[in-house]
């Protein structure tokens, strides 16, 4: 399991912007949120492929609770452009600071790992790179092209930053034709200043709407966390906003607090409530819905993509 401490070394805090914040209580997890510790032979093999390629995964950096399950199936979500984010979201365990220069060989190493894992569906995400003129759009394009060259049968899902104030960046990425374009709204608009202060809710929503305008056949996807203090009515409004932007696939999962310096969990949403959200989302017209306590953007992404395509074909 990823190490969820909030320091890299004593000299360099993992989250310097949170260092002086008061500690918040970490609630005891209910039974439905607990997972088995990783340790299978396939898990170790996946870990070796990641290490051999000198690659970063969101599975480790974000402390994903599903890492044991996914890596034991030889599935991993690669996080490109380094391990350091220029944003400082209150929910995220990814390191914050000034990132290193882009690694020009990374796209080919990601593609090689995708091929070695035999992935039928790959998921590529990244840190926010506000320091780059294009927000990292060109690096996404190079990674998509490298995967297409190394593993032509593999479908590609990308989970991108918001490319805020990066004119032309989105268009470049869409032109590379990933199979799924994912960008997470993360939470309801009323919590943005607290949870996602560097982002803008309606900009993120417009980004996804613009994808459909550029390529109406490209699948779009977005997700939110619950348990941060949002109301059911606010979640319903986000669903309506997503459908107004023609988003195909929504994911809803429980927020889990990485450290005592991060935003506190308001409550653990029950499995029955997640099921109710799923039913409502389908009634609003989403082609695919993943709503459960352990749902994450890339969890079961390959199986979900197959169902997503089938739902479009059936419609």
Protein backbone atom coordinates (compact mmCIF):
# COMPACT_ATOMS: atom_id res chain seq x y z
CA UNK A 1 0.00 0.00 0.00
CA UNK A 2 1.22 3.53 -0.71
CA UNK A 3 2.71 5.38 2.21
CA UNK A 4 0.28 8.08 3.29
CA UNK A 5 2.63 10.28 5.25
CA UNK A 6 2.65 13.98 4.50
CA UNK A 7 6.41 14.47 4.47
CA UNK A 8 8.96 13.31 1.93
CA UNK A 9 11.86 14.07 4.22
CA UNK A 10 12.19 16.14 7.34
CA UNK A 11 13.67 18.91 5.21
CA UNK A 12 11.14 18.90 2.41
CA UNK A 13 7.45 18.62 3.32
CA UNK A 14 5.29 16.66 0.89
CA UNK A 15 2.58 19.29 1.28
CA UNK A 16 4.29 22.52 2.39
CA UNK A 17 1.08 24.51 2.03
CA UNK A 18 -0.57 22.26 4.63
CA UNK A 19 2.31 22.13 7.12
CA UNK A 20 0.93 24.83 9.43
CA UNK A 21 -2.70 23.77 9.24
CA UNK A 22 -4.31 22.36 12.37
CA UNK A 23 -4.73 18.61 12.38
CA UNK A 24 -8.19 17.25 11.75
CA UNK A 25 -9.55 13.96 13.15
CA UNK A 26 -9.38 10.89 10.92
CA UNK A 27 -12.59 8.89 11.22
CA UNK A 28 -12.49 5.13 11.70
CA UNK A 29 -13.38 3.38 8.45
CA UNK A 30 -16.54 1.29 8.37
CA UNK A 31 -16.39 -2.35 7.25
CA UNK A 32 -17.52 -1.58 3.72
CA UNK A 33 -14.53 0.66 3.03
CA UNK A 34 -11.76 -1.72 4.13
CA UNK A 35 -9.55 -3.55 1.65
CA UNK A 36 -7.01 -6.36 1.75
CA UNK A 37 -3.32 -5.54 1.85
CA UNK A 38 -1.47 -6.21 -1.43
CA UNK A 39 1.00 -9.05 -1.73
CA UNK A 40 0.35 -11.42 -4.64
CA UNK A 41 3.00 -12.56 -7.11
CA UNK A 42 1.28 -10.61 -9.90
CA UNK A 43 1.29 -7.50 -7.72
CA UNK A 44 5.06 -7.84 -7.37
CA UNK A 45 5.40 -8.33 -11.13
CA UNK A 46 3.39 -5.16 -11.80
CA UNK A 47 5.52 -3.28 -9.30
CA UNK A 48 8.67 -4.45 -11.08
CA UNK A 49 7.41 -3.20 -14.46
CA UNK A 50 6.67 0.20 -12.92
CA UNK A 51 10.08 0.36 -11.24
CA UNK A 52 11.96 -0.88 -14.33
CA UNK A 53 10.39 1.89 -16.39
CA UNK A 54 11.11 4.53 -13.73
CA UNK A 55 7.43 5.42 -13.92
CA UNK A 56 5.03 7.16 -11.55
CA UNK A 57 1.56 5.81 -10.83
CA UNK A 58 -1.41 7.59 -9.33
CA UNK A 59 -2.11 4.30 -7.57
CA UNK A 60 0.85 4.95 -5.28
CA UNK A 61 1.05 8.74 -5.24
CA UNK A 62 -2.62 9.29 -4.41
CA UNK A 63 -2.76 6.36 -2.00
CA UNK A 64 -5.52 4.56 -3.89
CA UNK A 65 -7.25 1.93 -1.71
CA UNK A 66 -7.66 -0.35 -4.75
CA UNK A 67 -3.95 -0.74 -5.52
CA UNK A 68 -3.81 -4.31 -4.20
CA UNK A 69 -6.72 -5.44 -6.36
CA UNK A 70 -5.65 -3.63 -9.52
CA UNK A 71 -1.94 -4.45 -9.42
CA UNK A 72 -2.79 -8.09 -8.71
CA UNK A 73 -4.56 -8.05 -12.09
CA UNK A 74 -1.55 -6.31 -13.70
CA UNK A 75 -3.47 -3.04 -14.07
CA UNK A 76 -1.86 0.29 -13.19
CA UNK A 77 -2.70 3.93 -13.92
CA UNK A 78 0.34 5.87 -15.05
CA UNK A 79 0.81 9.45 -13.92
CA UNK A 80 2.92 11.37 -16.42
CA UNK A 81 4.94 14.60 -16.11
CA UNK A 82 6.45 13.75 -12.75
CA UNK A 83 5.28 13.24 -9.19
CA UNK A 84 4.96 16.90 -8.17
CA UNK A 85 1.83 18.99 -8.76
CA UNK A 86 1.64 22.76 -9.08
CA UNK A 87 -1.81 22.79 -7.43
CA UNK A 88 -2.58 22.27 -3.75
CA UNK A 89 -6.01 20.67 -3.55
CA UNK A 90 -7.22 19.99 -0.03
CA UNK A 91 -8.12 16.35 -0.76
CA UNK A 92 -5.09 15.12 -2.69
CA UNK A 93 -2.03 13.24 -1.47
CA UNK A 94 0.12 13.96 -4.55
CA UNK A 95 3.21 15.98 -3.67
CA UNK A 96 2.98 19.77 -4.12
CA UNK A 97 5.79 22.03 -5.29
CA UNK A 98 7.86 23.09 -8.29
CA UNK A 99 8.08 20.12 -10.70
CA UNK A 100 11.17 18.98 -12.55
CA UNK A 101 11.54 19.48 -16.30
CA UNK A 102 9.60 17.07 -18.50
CA UNK A 103 11.23 13.71 -19.16
CA UNK A 104 11.36 13.34 -22.95
CA UNK A 105 11.69 9.56 -22.75
CA UNK A 106 8.68 9.06 -20.51
CA UNK A 107 6.04 8.56 -23.25
CA UNK A 108 7.96 5.63 -24.75
CA UNK A 109 8.58 4.07 -21.31
CA UNK A 110 4.86 4.31 -20.50
CA UNK A 111 4.05 2.69 -23.84
CA UNK A 112 6.56 -0.09 -23.16
CA UNK A 113 4.97 -0.76 -19.75
CA UNK A 114 1.50 -0.85 -21.30
CA UNK A 115 2.74 -3.45 -23.79
CA UNK A 116 4.56 -5.49 -21.12
CA UNK A 117 1.42 -5.56 -18.97
CA UNK A 118 -0.65 -6.63 -21.96
CA UNK A 119 -3.27 -3.98 -21.21
CA UNK A 120 -6.34 -4.01 -23.42
CA UNK A 121 -7.33 -0.63 -21.92
CA UNK A 122 -4.81 1.85 -20.54
CA UNK A 123 -5.42 4.85 -18.28
CA UNK A 124 -3.03 7.80 -18.31
CA UNK A 125 -3.32 10.71 -15.90
CA UNK A 126 -0.97 13.49 -14.80
CA UNK A 127 -0.16 16.08 -12.22
CA UNK A 128 -1.22 19.66 -12.93
CA UNK A 129 1.58 21.49 -14.73
CA UNK A 130 0.62 25.16 -14.57
CA UNK A 131 4.30 25.94 -15.11
CA UNK A 132 4.18 24.70 -18.73
CA UNK A 133 2.95 26.90 -21.56
CA UNK A 134 0.60 24.18 -22.81
CA UNK A 135 -0.17 22.65 -19.41
CA UNK A 136 1.42 19.42 -20.59
CA UNK A 137 -0.91 18.88 -23.55
CA UNK A 138 1.98 18.03 -25.86
CA UNK A 139 3.24 15.39 -23.44
CA UNK A 140 -0.20 13.77 -23.37
CA UNK A 141 -0.18 13.73 -27.19
CA UNK A 142 3.27 12.11 -27.31
CA UNK A 143 2.20 9.49 -24.78
CA UNK A 144 -0.97 8.64 -26.70
CA UNK A 145 1.03 8.29 -29.94
CA UNK A 146 3.66 6.13 -28.25
CA UNK A 147 1.03 3.74 -26.88
CA UNK A 148 -0.66 3.52 -30.29
CA UNK A 149 2.71 2.60 -31.84
CA UNK A 150 3.71 0.05 -29.18
CA UNK A 151 0.32 -1.53 -28.57
CA UNK A 152 -2.11 -0.71 -31.42
CA UNK A 153 -5.00 -2.77 -30.03
CA UNK A 154 -4.95 -1.04 -26.63
CA UNK A 155 -7.67 1.53 -26.04
CA UNK A 156 -6.58 4.72 -24.28
CA UNK A 157 -8.31 6.66 -21.53
CA UNK A 158 -6.82 9.93 -20.35
CA UNK A 159 -7.56 11.79 -17.13
CA UNK A 160 -6.34 15.32 -17.71
CA UNK A 161 -5.83 18.55 -15.77
CA UNK A 162 -8.18 21.44 -16.54
CA UNK A 163 -5.70 23.29 -18.85
CA UNK A 164 -6.80 26.52 -17.19
CA UNK A 165 -5.57 29.54 -19.20
CA UNK A 166 -3.78 27.25 -21.69
CA UNK A 167 -5.24 28.28 -25.05
CA UNK A 168 -5.26 25.51 -27.65
CA UNK A 169 -4.14 22.79 -25.20
CA UNK A 170 -7.43 20.91 -25.11
CA UNK A 171 -7.73 20.95 -28.89
CA UNK A 172 -4.29 19.35 -29.28
CA UNK A 173 -5.18 16.51 -26.91
CA UNK A 174 -8.56 15.81 -28.52
CA UNK A 175 -6.91 15.76 -31.95
CA UNK A 176 -4.75 12.84 -30.74
CA UNK A 177 -8.00 10.86 -30.39
CA UNK A 178 -7.91 9.09 -27.04
CA UNK A 179 -10.85 6.71 -26.67
CA UNK A 180 -12.05 8.29 -23.41
CA UNK A 181 -11.47 11.85 -22.24
CA UNK A 182 -11.82 12.10 -18.48
CA UNK A 183 -11.57 15.20 -16.32
CA UNK A 184 -12.88 15.08 -12.78
CA UNK A 185 -15.08 17.81 -11.33
CA UNK A 186 -14.15 16.28 -7.93
CA UNK A 187 -16.85 17.95 -5.81
CA UNK A 188 -19.90 20.20 -5.87
CA UNK A 189 -19.38 23.87 -6.83
CA UNK A 190 -20.12 25.16 -3.34
CA UNK A 191 -17.05 23.36 -1.98
CA UNK A 192 -14.55 24.44 -4.65
CA UNK A 193 -12.93 27.26 -2.66
CA UNK A 194 -12.31 24.86 0.21
CA UNK A 195 -11.49 21.64 -1.65
CA UNK A 196 -10.21 22.64 -5.09
CA UNK A 197 -9.16 26.31 -4.75
CA UNK A 198 -6.94 26.42 -7.85
CA UNK A 199 -9.73 25.26 -10.17
CA UNK A 200 -13.01 26.65 -11.47
CA UNK A 201 -16.11 24.46 -11.55
CA UNK A 202 -17.66 25.90 -14.69
CA UNK A 203 -14.33 25.93 -16.51
CA UNK A 204 -13.98 22.19 -15.84
CA UNK A 205 -17.54 21.60 -16.97
CA UNK A 206 -17.00 23.65 -20.12
CA UNK A 207 -13.79 21.72 -20.85
CA UNK A 208 -15.76 18.48 -21.06
CA UNK A 209 -18.52 20.08 -23.10
CA UNK A 210 -15.89 21.37 -25.53
CA UNK A 211 -14.51 17.85 -26.03
CA UNK A 212 -17.91 16.80 -27.40
CA UNK A 213 -18.03 19.85 -29.66
CA UNK A 214 -14.66 18.93 -31.11
CA UNK A 215 -15.39 15.20 -31.45
CA UNK A 216 -18.94 14.08 -30.78
CA UNK A 217 -17.92 10.40 -30.90
CA UNK A 218 -15.32 10.66 -28.15
CA UNK A 219 -16.49 9.29 -24.82
CA UNK A 220 -16.36 11.78 -21.95
CA UNK A 221 -16.15 10.93 -18.29
CA UNK A 222 -16.05 12.79 -14.99
CA UNK A 223 -16.15 11.96 -11.31
CA UNK A 224 -16.88 13.39 -7.89
CA UNK A 225 -16.08 12.43 -4.33
CA UNK A 226 -18.75 12.40 -1.64
CA UNK A 227 -18.41 12.62 2.11
CA UNK A 228 -16.92 16.14 2.06
CA UNK A 229 -20.02 17.92 3.34
CA UNK A 230 -22.06 18.10 0.15
CA UNK A 231 -25.83 17.57 0.17
CA UNK A 232 -27.78 15.09 -1.92
CA UNK A 233 -29.42 18.00 -3.74
CA UNK A 234 -26.01 19.39 -4.68
CA UNK A 235 -24.95 16.02 -6.09
CA UNK A 236 -28.15 15.91 -8.14
CA UNK A 237 -27.32 19.34 -9.55
CA UNK A 238 -23.82 18.19 -10.54
CA UNK A 239 -25.39 15.25 -12.36
CA UNK A 240 -27.68 17.62 -14.25
CA UNK A 241 -24.75 19.90 -15.09
CA UNK A 242 -22.78 16.94 -16.41
CA UNK A 243 -25.65 15.79 -18.59
CA UNK A 244 -26.05 19.35 -19.93
CA UNK A 245 -22.40 19.02 -21.03
CA UNK A 246 -23.18 15.64 -22.66
CA UNK A 247 -20.89 13.68 -20.35
CA UNK A 248 -21.31 9.96 -20.93
CA UNK A 249 -19.89 8.39 -17.78
CA UNK A 250 -20.00 9.50 -14.13
CA UNK A 251 -18.02 8.04 -11.24
CA UNK A 252 -18.96 8.65 -7.60
CA UNK A 253 -16.73 7.47 -4.75
CA UNK A 254 -16.08 8.02 -1.07
CA UNK A 255 -13.51 10.66 -0.13
CA UNK A 256 -10.77 9.18 2.05
CA UNK A 257 -8.60 11.57 4.02
CA UNK A 258 -4.88 11.02 3.27
CA UNK A 259 -3.50 12.73 6.41
CA UNK A 260 -4.65 14.81 9.35
CA UNK A 261 -3.57 17.93 7.46
CA UNK A 262 -5.99 17.28 4.58
CA UNK A 263 -9.67 18.15 4.40
CA UNK A 264 -11.62 16.22 6.99
CA UNK A 265 -14.16 13.57 6.08
CA UNK A 266 -17.63 14.84 6.87
CA UNK A 267 -19.13 11.35 6.88
CA UNK A 268 -18.97 7.91 5.30
CA UNK A 269 -21.70 7.56 2.71
CA UNK A 270 -23.43 4.18 2.94
CA UNK A 271 -23.51 1.57 0.14
CA UNK A 272 -27.28 2.03 -0.11
CA UNK A 273 -26.83 5.75 -0.75
CA UNK A 274 -24.27 5.01 -3.47
CA UNK A 275 -26.75 2.62 -5.08
CA UNK A 276 -29.41 5.33 -5.01
CA UNK A 277 -27.01 7.75 -6.71
CA UNK A 278 -26.37 5.10 -9.39
CA UNK A 279 -30.09 4.63 -10.04
CA UNK A 280 -30.65 8.38 -10.26
CA UNK A 281 -27.68 8.90 -12.58
CA UNK A 282 -28.90 6.27 -15.03
CA UNK A 283 -32.36 7.86 -14.97
CA UNK A 284 -30.75 11.16 -16.00
CA UNK A 285 -29.30 9.59 -19.13
CA UNK A 286 -25.68 8.64 -18.36
CA UNK A 287 -24.50 5.73 -20.50
CA UNK A 288 -22.33 4.39 -17.69
CA UNK A 289 -22.32 4.93 -13.92
CA UNK A 290 -19.88 3.67 -11.31
CA UNK A 291 -21.04 4.57 -7.83
CA UNK A 292 -19.69 2.80 -4.75
CA UNK A 293 -17.57 3.56 -1.70
CA UNK A 294 -14.37 2.35 -3.41
CA UNK A 295 -15.11 3.73 -6.88
CA UNK A 296 -12.16 5.63 -8.34
CA UNK A 297 -11.71 7.06 -11.83
CA UNK A 298 -9.60 4.20 -13.14
CA UNK A 299 -10.98 1.35 -11.02
CA UNK A 300 -12.27 -1.38 -13.38
CA UNK A 301 -11.77 1.11 -16.21
CA UNK A 302 -11.32 -1.57 -18.88
CA UNK A 303 -14.51 -3.45 -17.99
CA UNK A 304 -16.39 -0.18 -17.65
CA UNK A 305 -15.19 0.95 -21.08
CA UNK A 306 -16.53 -2.24 -22.65
CA UNK A 307 -19.90 -1.60 -21.01
CA UNK A 308 -19.78 2.04 -22.10
CA UNK A 309 -19.32 1.06 -25.75
CA UNK A 310 -22.04 -1.55 -25.48
CA UNK A 311 -24.46 0.98 -23.99
CA UNK A 312 -23.85 3.39 -26.87
CA UNK A 313 -24.31 0.62 -29.43
CA UNK A 314 -27.55 -0.49 -27.77
CA UNK A 315 -28.92 3.06 -27.75
